[in-house]
Protein backbone atom coordinates (compact mmCIF):
# COMPACT_ATOMS: atom_id res chain seq x y z
CA MET A 1 -11.02 36.40 -32.97
CA SER A 2 -11.62 38.06 -29.63
CA SER A 3 -13.44 34.98 -28.32
CA ALA A 4 -10.44 32.75 -29.02
CA ARG A 5 -8.15 34.73 -26.70
CA PRO A 6 -10.00 34.08 -23.40
CA ARG A 7 -10.32 30.37 -24.14
CA PHE A 8 -6.60 30.12 -24.77
CA SER A 9 -5.79 31.81 -21.47
CA LEU A 10 -8.25 29.56 -19.62
CA GLU A 11 -6.72 26.46 -21.19
CA LEU A 12 -3.26 27.73 -20.34
CA PHE A 13 -4.33 28.27 -16.71
CA LYS A 14 -5.85 24.78 -16.49
CA PHE A 15 -2.75 23.20 -18.01
CA ALA A 16 -0.46 25.06 -15.62
CA THR A 17 -2.67 24.01 -12.68
CA TYR A 18 -2.70 20.36 -13.74
CA LEU A 19 1.09 20.38 -13.91
CA SER A 20 1.93 22.54 -10.91
CA ILE A 21 -0.28 20.88 -8.26
CA PRO A 22 1.22 17.36 -8.56
CA ILE A 23 4.73 18.78 -8.76
CA ALA A 24 4.17 21.00 -5.71
CA MET A 25 2.63 18.13 -3.72
CA THR A 26 5.54 15.84 -4.62
CA VAL A 27 8.06 18.44 -3.52
CA ALA A 28 6.14 19.23 -0.32
CA PHE A 29 5.67 15.63 0.81
CA ALA A 30 8.50 13.64 -0.74
CA ALA A 31 11.30 16.15 -0.16
CA ASN A 32 11.17 15.54 3.60
CA PRO A 33 11.45 11.81 4.37
CA GLU A 34 9.75 12.31 7.75
CA ASN A 35 6.63 13.68 6.06
CA LEU A 36 6.57 10.78 3.62
CA GLU A 37 7.00 8.22 6.42
CA THR A 38 4.16 9.80 8.41
CA ILE A 39 1.82 9.71 5.42
CA ILE A 40 2.67 6.09 4.65
CA LYS A 41 2.06 5.01 8.25
CA ARG A 42 -1.22 6.92 8.48
CA HIS A 43 -2.64 5.44 5.26
CA ALA A 44 -1.66 1.77 5.48
CA TYR A 45 -3.62 -0.02 2.78
CA VAL A 46 -2.61 -3.55 3.73
CA VAL A 47 -2.64 -4.53 7.38
CA TYR A 48 -1.34 -8.02 7.99
CA PRO A 49 -2.55 -10.02 10.99
CA PRO A 50 -0.02 -10.90 13.66
CA GLU A 51 2.09 -13.96 12.99
CA GLY A 52 0.61 -17.16 14.33
CA PRO A 53 2.31 -20.37 15.42
CA LYS A 54 4.40 -22.18 12.83
CA PRO A 55 2.92 -25.32 11.26
CA PRO A 56 4.42 -28.64 12.34
CA THR A 57 7.32 -30.10 10.42
CA ASN A 58 7.06 -33.33 8.40
CA ALA A 59 8.52 -35.40 11.23
CA GLU A 60 6.07 -33.91 13.73
CA MET A 61 3.17 -34.54 11.34
CA LYS A 62 4.20 -38.21 10.99
CA LYS A 63 4.23 -38.55 14.78
CA ILE A 64 0.76 -36.99 15.01
CA VAL A 65 -0.62 -39.28 12.30
CA GLU A 66 0.87 -42.37 13.98
CA ALA A 67 -0.56 -41.32 17.34
CA ASN A 68 -4.01 -40.88 15.77
CA ARG A 69 -3.76 -44.31 14.11
CA LYS A 70 -2.87 -45.92 17.42
CA LYS A 71 -5.83 -44.20 19.12
CA ARG A 72 -8.21 -45.53 16.45
CA LYS A 73 -6.95 -49.10 16.79
CA VAL A 74 -7.45 -49.16 20.55
């Protein structure tokens, strides 16, 4: 029976640690919006490339196709 007591206290300590660390980290980082914003900016997982030129519209594409057809015929 004496060996069961230390195991119980160790398990209780581990359980308390597993619960308290995530809760403490959430309170520390998410309670202050400035901290959260800094962390999000520092660890950007998706970085999109800068926006390129817009594709031509249907009317512009028709003009381009007609111009290419005329060039081929000449």
